[in-house]
Amino acid sequence: AAAASASITTPVAASGLTQAQAQAIADSGDATTLAAANAYTDGRETAIRTDLAAGDTATLASANAYTDARISGAMTTANASAKAYTDTRETRIRSDMAAADATTLQQANAHADAGDATTLQDARAYSDSTATQTLAAANTYTDSRFAQWGGGVDALRTEMDDRFTRVDEKLQMQDRRIERVGAMAAAYQGISLAGAVAGDNRLGIGVGTQGGQTAVAVGYARSVAGNVNLSLGGAFASGESSVSAGAAFGW
């Protein structure tokens, strides 16, 4: 330290500057140098950072492009491989399924044919049995119905005969009644002919016959005031009877 002080002091004394002045000059130079060094360092740091940022961007873009290309290629290859594998598996599966379907169909057809034959045989046996029973029941029912119908026909025939007999009897009675009415009309005609005599009081009797039926009619007539005749009569024939009355005017 003493040597350093001596070396500094000697030049300062030779230049005519005091130690304090020399120290001030040295401090000022150091500050300027430090400021220049700091400015240079900051500038280099900024430039380095800019270069690093640009380099990072370019590197990232290149890495991304490379990665995308690799991924795209890998995906294309993987898709092609997957499609080929899937197509192959599908072809094999379809072939296996077709073979299995053919076997299943053959077995099902054989089972169905056997079942159909058994079912047909059972159905025929059941149909024959049912048809036999149905025919027997139908025959029994038909025989019973014919027996009932035969009895019913006989009863209907008897009833119809009775009805026709009664109708005939009624017609015969009606015919006899008509004949009696005709006989009574003839008897009335006899009264009118028998009553055509002179006198204030006249009594007439008439007899009529028609179709084997006979009737008798009796009539009475009286002249009133010379120009008015009143008459009253009746006819009788086997339970049939009738009454008549009349008036006649002259001028």
Foldseek 3Di string as FASTA:
>chain_A
DVVVVVVVCVVCVVVVHDPVVVVVVVVVVVVVVVVVVVVVVVVVVVVVVVVVVVVVVVVVVVVVVVVVVVVVVVVVVVVVVVVVVVVVVVVVVVVVVVVVVVVVVVVVVVVVVVVVVVVVVVVVVVVVVVVVVVVVVVVVVVVVVVVVVVVVVVVVVVVVVVVVVVVVVVVVVVVLVVQQVVFQVQFVVQQVVQQPDDDQKGKGKGWGGGPRWIKIKIKIWGDDPNFKIKMKMKMDTDHDIDIDIDMGGDD
